[in-house]
Amino acid sequence: MDKGYSSLSVAIEQLQKEGYTEDFNLVEEGITSKGLQKEWKAGECDVVRYYRFEGMTDPGDNSILYVIETTDGKKGLLVDNYSAAGTYLSPEMRKKLEIKHNE
């Protein structure tokens, strides 16, 4: 990770200015964009950066902002909580979202 942000909203605003304008959501096999009405499988998208945010008073406010690029050139953001509990994701997609602590 190359820089940090003071809050999730600041990060989203800045990254959108950098061209990461799609709003991605998780689905079992990958990600989807409601705006584009398109879905990408895990092998068709890459997490290029991620940022973790922790709520000051409520642990439920913890989230991760994934910066994603697809193989067809779409750039966007995916906001998720710290765990994918309750959501089934394919092993390939779980691997894509894996946080590597040696970065």
PDB file of N, CA and C in Angstrom:
ATOM      1  N   MET A   1       0.851  -1.175   0.000  1.00  0.00           N
ATOM      2  CA  MET A   1       0.000   0.000   0.000  1.00  0.00           C
ATOM      3  C   MET A   1       0.893   1.233   0.000  1.00  0.00           C
ATOM      4  N   ASP A   2       0.548   2.171  -0.849  1.00  0.00           N
ATOM      5  CA  ASP A   2       1.440   3.306  -1.016  1.00  0.00           C
ATOM      6  C   ASP A   2       1.094   4.514  -0.170  1.00  0.00           C
ATOM      7  N   LYS A   3      -0.150   4.685   0.252  1.00  0.00           N
ATOM      8  CA  LYS A   3      -0.515   5.816   1.091  1.00  0.00           C
ATOM      9  C   LYS A   3      -1.735   5.459   1.900  1.00  0.00           C
ATOM     10  N   GLY A   4      -1.981   6.237   2.920  1.00  0.00           N
ATOM     11  CA  GLY A   4      -3.149   6.008   3.742  1.00  0.00           C
ATOM     12  C   GLY A   4      -4.121   7.161   3.627  1.00  0.00           C
ATOM     13  N   TYR A   5      -5.321   6.950   4.105  1.00  0.00           N
ATOM     14  CA  TYR A   5      -6.361   7.967   4.107  1.00  0.00           C
ATOM     15  C   TYR A   5      -6.936   8.073   5.502  1.00  0.00           C
ATOM     16  N   SER A   6      -7.428   9.252   5.839  1.00  0.00           N
ATOM     17  CA  SER A   6      -7.949   9.481   7.186  1.00  0.00           C
ATOM     18  C   SER A   6      -9.305   8.824   7.416  1.00  0.00           C
ATOM     19  N   SER A   7     -10.058   8.577   6.350  1.00  0.00           N
ATOM     20  CA  SER A   7     -11.356   7.929   6.498  1.00  0.00           C
ATOM     21  C   SER A   7     -11.738   7.234   5.195  1.00  0.00           C
ATOM     22  N   LEU A   8     -12.726   6.360   5.297  1.00  0.00           N
ATOM     23  CA  LEU A   8     -13.214   5.639   4.124  1.00  0.00           C
ATOM     24  C   LEU A   8     -13.761   6.620   3.082  1.00  0.00           C
ATOM     25  N   SER A   9     -14.525   7.606   3.521  1.00  0.00           N
ATOM     26  CA  SER A   9     -15.116   8.549   2.566  1.00  0.00           C
ATOM     27  C   SER A   9     -14.058   9.374   1.843  1.00  0.00           C
ATOM     28  N   VAL A  10     -12.995   9.749   2.528  1.00  0.00           N
ATOM     29  CA  VAL A  10     -11.897  10.491   1.895  1.00  0.00           C
ATOM     30  C   VAL A  10     -11.207   9.613   0.861  1.00  0.00           C
ATOM     31  N   ALA A  11     -10.981   8.353   1.205  1.00  0.00           N
ATOM     32  CA  ALA A  11     -10.335   7.422   0.277  1.00  0.00           C
ATOM     33  C   ALA A  11     -11.178   7.237  -0.974  1.00  0.00           C
ATOM     34  N   ILE A  12     -12.472   7.013  -0.798  1.00  0.00           N
ATOM     35  CA  ILE A  12     -13.359   6.821  -1.949  1.00  0.00           C
ATOM     36  C   ILE A  12     -13.347   8.047  -2.848  1.00  0.00           C
ATOM     37  N   GLU A  13     -13.462   9.218  -2.253  1.00  0.00           N
ATOM     38  CA  GLU A  13     -13.468  10.461  -3.032  1.00  0.00           C
ATOM     39  C   GLU A  13     -12.184  10.617  -3.845  1.00  0.00           C
ATOM     40  N   GLN A  14     -11.037  10.390  -3.219  1.00  0.00           N
ATOM     41  CA  GLN A  14      -9.759  10.553  -3.911  1.00  0.00           C
ATOM     42  C   GLN A  14      -9.570   9.504  -5.008  1.00  0.00           C
ATOM     43  N   LEU A  15      -9.904   8.258  -4.701  1.00  0.00           N
ATOM     44  CA  LEU A  15      -9.730   7.189  -5.685  1.00  0.00           C
ATOM     45  C   LEU A  15     -10.677   7.355  -6.875  1.00  0.00           C
ATOM     46  N   GLN A  16     -11.860   7.893  -6.639  1.00  0.00           N
ATOM     47  CA  GLN A  16     -12.765   8.176  -7.756  1.00  0.00           C
ATOM     48  C   GLN A  16     -12.163   9.244  -8.666  1.00  0.00           C
ATOM     49  N   LYS A  17     -11.483  10.214  -8.090  1.00  0.00           N
ATOM     50  CA  LYS A  17     -10.796  11.235  -8.886  1.00  0.00           C
ATOM     51  C   LYS A  17      -9.675  10.629  -9.721  1.00  0.00           C
ATOM     52  N   GLU A  18      -9.127   9.508  -9.255  1.00  0.00           N
ATOM     53  CA  GLU A  18      -8.057   8.805  -9.971  1.00  0.00           C
ATOM     54  C   GLU A  18      -8.617   7.837 -11.014  1.00  0.00           C
ATOM     55  N   GLY A  19      -9.929   7.813 -11.187  1.00  0.00           N
ATOM     56  CA  GLY A  19     -10.536   6.992 -12.229  1.00  0.00           C
ATOM     57  C   GLY A  19     -11.179   5.709 -11.767  1.00  0.00           C
ATOM     58  N   TYR A  20     -11.185   5.433 -10.475  1.00  0.00           N
ATOM     59  CA  TYR A  20     -11.806   4.212  -9.938  1.00  0.00           C
ATOM     60  C   TYR A  20     -13.275   4.521  -9.634  1.00  0.00           C
ATOM     61  N   THR A  21     -14.084   4.539 -10.686  1.00  0.00           N
ATOM     62  CA  THR A  21     -15.450   5.048 -10.578  1.00  0.00           C
ATOM     63  C   THR A  21     -16.525   3.969 -10.494  1.00  0.00           C
ATOM     64  N   GLU A  22     -16.215   2.742 -10.852  1.00  0.00           N
ATOM     65  CA  GLU A  22     -17.233   1.681 -10.781  1.00  0.00           C
ATOM     66  C   GLU A  22     -17.469   1.275  -9.338  1.00  0.00           C
ATOM     67  N   ASP A  23     -18.721   0.952  -9.034  1.00  0.00           N
ATOM     68  CA  ASP A  23     -19.111   0.480  -7.706  1.00  0.00           C
ATOM     69  C   ASP A  23     -19.297  -1.032  -7.800  1.00  0.00           C
ATOM     70  N   PHE A  24     -18.292  -1.766  -7.336  1.00  0.00           N
ATOM     71  CA  PHE A  24     -18.331  -3.223  -7.418  1.00  0.00           C
ATOM     72  C   PHE A  24     -18.959  -3.826  -6.167  1.00  0.00           C
ATOM     73  N   ASN A  25     -19.588  -4.975  -6.350  1.00  0.00           N
ATOM     74  CA  ASN A  25     -20.146  -5.756  -5.255  1.00  0.00           C
ATOM     75  C   ASN A  25     -19.673  -7.196  -5.405  1.00  0.00           C
ATOM     76  N   LEU A  26     -19.561  -7.884  -4.274  1.00  0.00           N
ATOM     77  CA  LEU A  26     -19.156  -9.291  -4.301  1.00  0.00           C
ATOM     78  C   LEU A  26     -20.305 -10.179  -4.730  1.00  0.00           C
ATOM     79  N   VAL A  27     -19.972 -11.174  -5.533  1.00  0.00           N
ATOM     80  CA  VAL A  27     -20.870 -12.278  -5.841  1.00  0.00           C
ATOM     81  C   VAL A  27     -20.054 -13.557  -5.667  1.00  0.00           C
ATOM     82  N   GLU A  28     -20.703 -14.680  -5.678  1.00  0.00           N
ATOM     83  CA  GLU A  28     -20.040 -15.946  -5.361  1.00  0.00           C
ATOM     84  C   GLU A  28     -18.756 -16.186  -6.160  1.00  0.00           C
ATOM     85  N   GLU A  29     -18.796 -15.969  -7.448  1.00  0.00           N
ATOM     86  CA  GLU A  29     -17.652 -16.280  -8.307  1.00  0.00           C
ATOM     87  C   GLU A  29     -16.741 -15.094  -8.611  1.00  0.00           C
ATOM     88  N   GLY A  30     -17.102 -13.894  -8.138  1.00  0.00           N
ATOM     89  CA  GLY A  30     -16.278 -12.727  -8.455  1.00  0.00           C
ATOM     90  C   GLY A  30     -16.907 -11.439  -7.996  1.00  0.00           C
ATOM     91  N   ILE A  31     -17.020 -10.478  -8.936  1.00  0.00           N
ATOM     92  CA  ILE A  31     -17.598  -9.171  -8.625  1.00  0.00           C
ATOM     93  C   ILE A  31     -18.629  -8.805  -9.691  1.00  0.00           C
ATOM     94  N   THR A  32     -19.480  -7.844  -9.350  1.00  0.00           N
ATOM     95  CA  THR A  32     -20.488  -7.366 -10.277  1.00  0.00           C
ATOM     96  C   THR A  32     -20.592  -5.850 -10.175  1.00  0.00           C
ATOM     97  N   SER A  33     -21.081  -5.248 -11.238  1.00  0.00           N
ATOM     98  CA  SER A  33     -21.385  -3.820 -11.265  1.00  0.00           C
ATOM     99  C   SER A  33     -22.833  -3.682 -11.687  1.00  0.00           C
ATOM    100  N   LYS A  34     -23.674  -3.171 -10.799  1.00  0.00           N
ATOM    101  CA  LYS A  34     -25.085  -2.974 -11.139  1.00  0.00           C
ATOM    102  C   LYS A  34     -25.220  -1.916 -12.227  1.00  0.00           C
ATOM    103  N   GLY A  35     -24.399  -0.878 -12.148  1.00  0.00           N
ATOM    104  CA  GLY A  35     -24.461   0.189 -13.135  1.00  0.00           C
ATOM    105  C   GLY A  35     -24.170  -0.288 -14.546  1.00  0.00           C
ATOM    106  N   LEU A  36     -23.208  -1.174 -14.673  1.00  0.00           N
ATOM    107  CA  LEU A  36     -22.850  -1.715 -15.986  1.00  0.00           C
ATOM    108  C   LEU A  36     -23.619  -2.988 -16.316  1.00  0.00           C
ATOM    109  N   GLN A  37     -24.320  -3.542 -15.318  1.00  0.00           N
ATOM    110  CA  GLN A  37     -25.031  -4.807 -15.451  1.00  0.00           C
ATOM    111  C   GLN A  37     -24.101  -5.878 -16.020  1.00  0.00           C
ATOM    112  N   LYS A  38     -22.949  -6.008 -15.356  1.00  0.00           N
ATOM    113  CA  LYS A  38     -21.926  -6.945 -15.812  1.00  0.00           C
ATOM    114  C   LYS A  38     -21.310  -7.630 -14.599  1.00  0.00           C
ATOM    115  N   GLU A  39     -20.830  -8.840 -14.827  1.00  0.00           N
ATOM    116  CA  GLU A  39     -20.169  -9.612 -13.777  1.00  0.00           C
ATOM    117  C   GLU A  39     -18.822 -10.100 -14.292  1.00  0.00           C
ATOM    118  N   TRP A  40     -17.832 -10.112 -13.401  1.00  0.00           N
ATOM    119  CA  TRP A  40     -16.501 -10.612 -13.718  1.00  0.00           C
ATOM    120  C   TRP A  40     -16.177 -11.748 -12.767  1.00  0.00           C
ATOM    121  N   LYS A  41     -15.629 -12.816 -13.284  1.00  0.00           N
ATOM    122  CA  LYS A  41     -15.171 -13.929 -12.443  1.00  0.00           C
ATOM    123  C   LYS A  41     -13.846 -13.536 -11.792  1.00  0.00           C
ATOM    124  N   ALA A  42     -13.440 -14.288 -10.794  1.00  0.00           N
ATOM    125  CA  ALA A  42     -12.219 -13.979 -10.044  1.00  0.00           C
ATOM    126  C   ALA A  42     -11.006 -13.810 -10.953  1.00  0.00           C
ATOM    127  N   GLY A  43     -10.908 -14.614 -11.986  1.00  0.00           N
ATOM    128  CA  GLY A  43      -9.771 -14.538 -12.895  1.00  0.00           C
ATOM    129  C   GLY A  43      -9.787 -13.332 -13.821  1.00  0.00           C
ATOM    130  N   GLU A  44     -10.883 -12.584 -13.806  1.00  0.00           N
ATOM    131  CA  GLU A  44     -11.028 -11.420 -14.679  1.00  0.00           C
ATOM    132  C   GLU A  44     -10.882 -10.096 -13.943  1.00  0.00           C
ATOM    133  N   CYS A  45     -10.438 -10.162 -12.692  1.00  0.00           N
ATOM    134  CA  CYS A  45     -10.261  -8.924 -11.909  1.00  0.00           C
ATOM    135  C   CYS A  45      -9.045  -9.062 -10.991  1.00  0.00           C
ATOM    136  N   ASP A  46      -8.461  -7.928 -10.690  1.00  0.00           N
ATOM    137  CA  ASP A  46      -7.306  -7.899  -9.795  1.00  0.00           C
ATOM    138  C   ASP A  46      -7.485  -6.824  -8.743  1.00  0.00           C
ATOM    139  N   VAL A  47      -7.132  -7.165  -7.518  1.00  0.00           N
ATOM    140  CA  VAL A  47      -7.083  -6.176  -6.444  1.00  0.00           C
ATOM    141  C   VAL A  47      -5.708  -5.513  -6.543  1.00  0.00           C
ATOM    142  N   VAL A  48      -5.687  -4.228  -6.882  1.00  0.00           N
ATOM    143  CA  VAL A  48      -4.414  -3.538  -7.059  1.00  0.00           C
ATOM    144  C   VAL A  48      -3.939  -2.851  -5.783  1.00  0.00           C
ATOM    145  N   ARG A  49      -4.875  -2.542  -4.900  1.00  0.00           N
ATOM    146  CA  ARG A  49      -4.556  -1.964  -3.590  1.00  0.00           C
ATOM    147  C   ARG A  49      -5.717  -2.245  -2.655  1.00  0.00           C
ATOM    148  N   TYR A  50      -5.466  -2.097  -1.390  1.00  0.00           N
ATOM    149  CA  TYR A  50      -6.550  -2.175  -0.416  1.00  0.00           C
ATOM    150  C   TYR A  50      -6.210  -1.278   0.766  1.00  0.00           C
ATOM    151  N   TYR A  51      -7.252  -0.840   1.453  1.00  0.00           N
ATOM    152  CA  TYR A  51      -7.094   0.021   2.623  1.00  0.00           C
ATOM    153  C   TYR A  51      -8.041  -0.482   3.705  1.00  0.00           C
ATOM    154  N   ARG A  52      -7.539  -0.583   4.929  1.00  0.00           N
ATOM    155  CA  ARG A  52      -8.360  -1.007   6.056  1.00  0.00           C
ATOM    156  C   ARG A  52      -8.725   0.202   6.902  1.00  0.00           C
ATOM    157  N   PHE A  53      -9.972   0.199   7.359  1.00  0.00           N
ATOM    158  CA  PHE A  53     -10.462   1.283   8.210  1.00  0.00           C
ATOM    159  C   PHE A  53     -11.131   0.667   9.426  1.00  0.00           C
ATOM    160  N   GLU A  54     -10.821   1.218  10.596  1.00  0.00           N
ATOM    161  CA  GLU A  54     -11.397   0.728  11.834  1.00  0.00           C
ATOM    162  C   GLU A  54     -12.227   1.819  12.465  1.00  0.00           C
ATOM    163  N   GLY A  55     -13.436   1.452  12.881  1.00  0.00           N
ATOM    164  CA  GLY A  55     -14.313   2.408  13.551  1.00  0.00           C
ATOM    165  C   GLY A  55     -13.727   2.830  14.884  1.00  0.00           C
ATOM    166  N   MET A  56     -13.871   4.094  15.215  1.00  0.00           N
ATOM    167  CA  MET A  56     -13.303   4.620  16.459  1.00  0.00           C
ATOM    168  C   MET A  56     -14.019   4.081  17.690  1.00  0.00           C
ATOM    169  N   THR A  57     -15.340   3.898  17.606  1.00  0.00           N
ATOM    170  CA  THR A  57     -16.078   3.462  18.780  1.00  0.00           C
ATOM    171  C   THR A  57     -16.838   2.163  18.576  1.00  0.00           C
ATOM    172  N   ASP A  58     -17.132   1.815  17.346  1.00  0.00           N
ATOM    173  CA  ASP A  58     -17.936   0.630  17.068  1.00  0.00           C
ATOM    174  C   ASP A  58     -17.157  -0.352  16.200  1.00  0.00           C
ATOM    175  N   PRO A  59     -16.810  -1.519  16.748  1.00  0.00           N
ATOM    176  CA  PRO A  59     -16.080  -2.510  15.954  1.00  0.00           C
ATOM    177  C   PRO A  59     -16.830  -2.917  14.690  1.00  0.00           C
ATOM    178  N   GLY A  60     -18.136  -2.742  14.669  1.00  0.00           N
ATOM    179  CA  GLY A  60     -18.925  -3.055  13.490  1.00  0.00           C
ATOM    180  C   GLY A  60     -18.656  -2.115  12.330  1.00  0.00           C
ATOM    181  N   ASP A  61     -17.945  -1.031  12.598  1.00  0.00           N
ATOM    182  CA  ASP A  61     -17.621  -0.064  11.551  1.00  0.00           C
ATOM    183  C   ASP A  61     -16.348  -0.432  10.785  1.00  0.00           C
ATOM    184  N   ASN A  62     -15.733  -1.549  11.114  1.00  0.00           N
ATOM    185  CA  ASN A  62     -14.518  -1.968  10.428  1.00  0.00           C
ATOM    186  C   ASN A  62     -14.830  -2.319   8.977  1.00  0.00           C
ATOM    187  N   SER A  63     -13.984  -1.858   8.062  1.00  0.00           N
ATOM    188  CA  SER A  63     -14.203  -2.168   6.655  1.00  0.00           C
ATOM    189  C   SER A  63     -12.891  -2.174   5.889  1.00  0.00           C
ATOM    190  N   ILE A  64     -12.952  -2.776   4.706  1.00  0.00           N
ATOM    191  CA  ILE A  64     -11.814  -2.791   3.797  1.00  0.00           C
ATOM    192  C   ILE A  64     -12.280  -2.210   2.472  1.00  0.00           C
ATOM    193  N   LEU A  65     -11.481  -1.336   1.921  1.00  0.00           N
ATOM    194  CA  LEU A  65     -11.742  -0.771   0.607  1.00  0.00           C
ATOM    195  C   LEU A  65     -10.769  -1.421  -0.368  1.00  0.00           C
ATOM    196  N   TYR A  66     -11.316  -2.173  -1.318  1.00  0.00           N
ATOM    197  CA  TYR A  66     -10.506  -2.813  -2.346  1.00  0.00           C
ATOM    198  C   TYR A  66     -10.524  -1.952  -3.599  1.00  0.00           C
ATOM    199  N   VAL A  67      -9.368  -1.713  -4.175  1.00  0.00           N
ATOM    200  CA  VAL A  67      -9.224  -0.985  -5.429  1.00  0.00           C
ATOM    201  C   VAL A  67      -9.026  -2.049  -6.500  1.00  0.00           C
ATOM    202  N   ILE A  68      -9.969  -2.111  -7.436  1.00  0.00           N
ATOM    203  CA  ILE A  68     -10.022  -3.236  -8.375  1.00  0.00           C
ATOM    204  C   ILE A  68      -9.944  -2.767  -9.819  1.00  0.00           C
ATOM    205  N   GLU A  69      -9.221  -3.551 -10.621  1.00  0.00           N
ATOM    206  CA  GLU A  69      -9.184  -3.346 -12.065  1.00  0.00           C
ATOM    207  C   GLU A  69      -9.569  -4.668 -12.725  1.00  0.00           C
ATOM    208  N   THR A  70     -10.386  -4.580 -13.773  1.00  0.00           N
ATOM    209  CA  THR A  70     -10.812  -5.781 -14.485  1.00  0.00           C
ATOM    210  C   THR A  70      -9.980  -5.948 -15.752  1.00  0.00           C
ATOM    211  N   THR A  71     -10.024  -7.140 -16.310  1.00  0.00           N
ATOM    212  CA  THR A  71      -9.236  -7.420 -17.507  1.00  0.00           C
ATOM    213  C   THR A  71      -9.725  -6.655 -18.726  1.00  0.00           C
ATOM    214  N   ASP A  72     -10.970  -6.163 -18.689  1.00  0.00           N
ATOM    215  CA  ASP A  72     -11.475  -5.367 -19.806  1.00  0.00           C
ATOM    216  C   ASP A  72     -11.375  -3.859 -19.551  1.00  0.00           C
ATOM    217  N   GLY A  73     -10.551  -3.480 -18.561  1.00  0.00           N
ATOM    218  CA  GLY A  73     -10.227  -2.078 -18.357  1.00  0.00           C
ATOM    219  C   GLY A  73     -11.120  -1.282 -17.427  1.00  0.00           C
ATOM    220  N   LYS A  74     -12.056  -1.906 -16.758  1.00  0.00           N
ATOM    221  CA  LYS A  74     -12.906  -1.184 -15.810  1.00  0.00           C
ATOM    222  C   LYS A  74     -12.148  -1.030 -14.493  1.00  0.00           C
ATOM    223  N   LYS A  75     -12.320   0.134 -13.870  1.00  0.00           N
ATOM    224  CA  LYS A  75     -11.649   0.423 -12.604  1.00  0.00           C
ATOM    225  C   LYS A  75     -12.699   0.863 -11.597  1.00  0.00           C
ATOM    226  N   GLY A  76     -12.624   0.277 -10.404  1.00  0.00           N
ATOM    227  CA  GLY A  76     -13.615   0.634  -9.408  1.00  0.00           C
ATOM    228  C   GLY A  76     -13.230   0.223  -8.010  1.00  0.00           C
ATOM    229  N   LEU A  77     -14.213   0.353  -7.116  1.00  0.00           N
ATOM    230  CA  LEU A  77     -14.001   0.134  -5.688  1.00  0.00           C
ATOM    231  C   LEU A  77     -15.009  -0.870  -5.150  1.00  0.00           C
ATOM    232  N   LEU A  78     -14.572  -1.614  -4.164  1.00  0.00           N
ATOM    233  CA  LEU A  78     -15.414  -2.574  -3.467  1.00  0.00           C
ATOM    234  C   LEU A  78     -15.211  -2.345  -1.976  1.00  0.00           C
ATOM    235  N   VAL A  79     -16.287  -2.047  -1.260  1.00  0.00           N
ATOM    236  CA  VAL A  79     -16.215  -1.860   0.186  1.00  0.00           C
ATOM    237  C   VAL A  79     -16.803  -3.103   0.834  1.00  0.00           C
ATOM    238  N   ASP A  80     -16.056  -3.690   1.776  1.00  0.00           N
ATOM    239  CA  ASP A  80     -16.509  -4.898   2.455  1.00  0.00           C
ATOM    240  C   ASP A  80     -16.094  -4.821   3.918  1.00  0.00           C
ATOM    241  N   ASN A  81     -16.760  -5.633   4.753  1.00  0.00           N
ATOM    242  CA  ASN A  81     -16.336  -5.689   6.146  1.00  0.00           C
ATOM    243  C   ASN A  81     -15.100  -6.564   6.252  1.00  0.00           C
ATOM    244  N   TYR A  82     -14.532  -6.675   7.431  1.00  0.00           N
ATOM    245  CA  TYR A  82     -13.263  -7.400   7.600  1.00  0.00           C
ATOM    246  C   TYR A  82     -13.353  -8.875   7.305  1.00  0.00           C
ATOM    247  N   SER A  83     -14.519  -9.449   7.339  1.00  0.00           N
ATOM    248  CA  SER A  83     -14.625 -10.872   7.039  1.00  0.00           C
ATOM    249  C   SER A  83     -15.767 -11.084   6.073  1.00  0.00           C
ATOM    250  N   ALA A  84     -15.645 -12.119   5.316  1.00  0.00           N
ATOM    251  CA  ALA A  84     -16.710 -12.452   4.367  1.00  0.00           C
ATOM    252  C   ALA A  84     -17.683 -13.438   5.000  1.00  0.00           C
ATOM    253  N   ALA A  85     -17.769 -13.440   6.308  1.00  0.00           N
ATOM    254  CA  ALA A  85     -18.659 -14.352   7.005  1.00  0.00           C
ATOM    255  C   ALA A  85     -20.093 -14.105   6.553  1.00  0.00           C
ATOM    256  N   GLY A  86     -20.813 -15.195   6.347  1.00  0.00           N
ATOM    257  CA  GLY A  86     -22.199 -15.069   5.931  1.00  0.00           C
ATOM    258  C   GLY A  86     -22.359 -14.961   4.422  1.00  0.00           C
ATOM    259  N   THR A  87     -21.280 -14.791   3.709  1.00  0.00           N
ATOM    260  CA  THR A  87     -21.324 -14.704   2.254  1.00  0.00           C
ATOM    261  C   THR A  87     -20.477 -15.820   1.691  1.00  0.00           C
ATOM    262  N   TYR A  88     -21.083 -16.669   0.835  1.00  0.00           N
ATOM    263  CA  TYR A  88     -20.282 -17.712   0.225  1.00  0.00           C
ATOM    264  C   TYR A  88     -19.518 -17.121  -0.949  1.00  0.00           C
ATOM    265  N   LEU A  89     -18.216 -17.331  -0.954  1.00  0.00           N
ATOM    266  CA  LEU A  89     -17.370 -16.911  -2.060  1.00  0.00           C
ATOM    267  C   LEU A  89     -16.582 -18.119  -2.541  1.00  0.00           C
ATOM    268  N   SER A  90     -16.360 -18.190  -3.828  1.00  0.00           N
ATOM    269  CA  SER A  90     -15.561 -19.284  -4.376  1.00  0.00           C
ATOM    270  C   SER A  90     -14.141 -19.206  -3.822  1.00  0.00           C
ATOM    271  N   PRO A  91     -13.424 -20.317  -3.793  1.00  0.00           N
ATOM    272  CA  PRO A  91     -12.036 -20.293  -3.329  1.00  0.00           C
ATOM    273  C   PRO A  91     -11.176 -19.304  -4.131  1.00  0.00           C
ATOM    274  N   GLU A  92     -11.441 -19.186  -5.425  1.00  0.00           N
ATOM    275  CA  GLU A  92     -10.676 -18.263  -6.263  1.00  0.00           C
ATOM    276  C   GLU A  92     -10.897 -16.815  -5.834  1.00  0.00           C
ATOM    277  N   MET A  93     -12.162 -16.474  -5.520  1.00  0.00           N
ATOM    278  CA  MET A  93     -12.449 -15.097  -5.114  1.00  0.00           C
ATOM    279  C   MET A  93     -11.905 -14.821  -3.718  1.00  0.00           C
ATOM    280  N   ARG A  94     -11.997 -15.795  -2.826  1.00  0.00           N
ATOM    281  CA  ARG A  94     -11.408 -15.613  -1.486  1.00  0.00           C
ATOM    282  C   ARG A  94      -9.910 -15.321  -1.594  1.00  0.00           C
ATOM    283  N   LYS A  95      -9.237 -16.035  -2.494  1.00  0.00           N
ATOM    284  CA  LYS A  95      -7.806 -15.817  -2.677  1.00  0.00           C
ATOM    285  C   LYS A  95      -7.519 -14.407  -3.193  1.00  0.00           C
ATOM    286  N   LYS A  96      -8.358 -13.904  -4.098  1.00  0.00           N
ATOM    287  CA  LYS A  96      -8.197 -12.540  -4.617  1.00  0.00           C
ATOM    288  C   LYS A  96      -8.278 -11.501  -3.510  1.00  0.00           C
ATOM    289  N   LEU A  97      -9.161 -11.735  -2.548  1.00  0.00           N
ATOM    290  CA  LEU A  97      -9.404 -10.767  -1.482  1.00  0.00           C
ATOM    291  C   LEU A  97      -8.507 -10.961  -0.265  1.00  0.00           C
ATOM    292  N   GLU A  98      -7.646 -11.953  -0.326  1.00  0.00           N
ATOM    293  CA  GLU A  98      -6.762 -12.253   0.803  1.00  0.00           C
ATOM    294  C   GLU A  98      -5.833 -11.078   1.094  1.00  0.00           C
ATOM    295  N   ILE A  99      -5.785 -10.683   2.330  1.00  0.00           N
ATOM    296  CA  ILE A  99      -4.907  -9.600   2.769  1.00  0.00           C
ATOM    297  C   ILE A  99      -3.535 -10.194   3.036  1.00  0.00           C
ATOM    298  N   LYS A 100      -2.538  -9.645   2.369  1.00  0.00           N
ATOM    299  CA  LYS A 100      -1.173 -10.123   2.548  1.00  0.00           C
ATOM    300  C   LYS A 100      -0.457  -9.175   3.498  1.00  0.00           C
ATOM    301  N   HIS A 101      -0.030  -9.690   4.624  1.00  0.00           N
ATOM    302  CA  HIS A 101       0.545  -8.854   5.672  1.00  0.00           C
ATOM    303  C   HIS A 101       2.018  -8.508   5.442  1.00  0.00           C
ATOM    304  N   ASN A 102       2.626  -9.018   4.393  1.00  0.00           N
ATOM    305  CA  ASN A 102       4.036  -8.719   4.153  1.00  0.00           C
ATOM    306  C   ASN A 102       4.208  -7.570   3.172  1.00  0.00           C
ATOM    307  N   GLU A 103       3.120  -6.883   2.831  1.00  0.00           N
ATOM    308  CA  GLU A 103       3.213  -5.758   1.889  1.00  0.00           C
ATOM    309  C   GLU A 103       3.616  -4.495   2.608  1.00  0.00           C
TER     310      GLU A 103
END
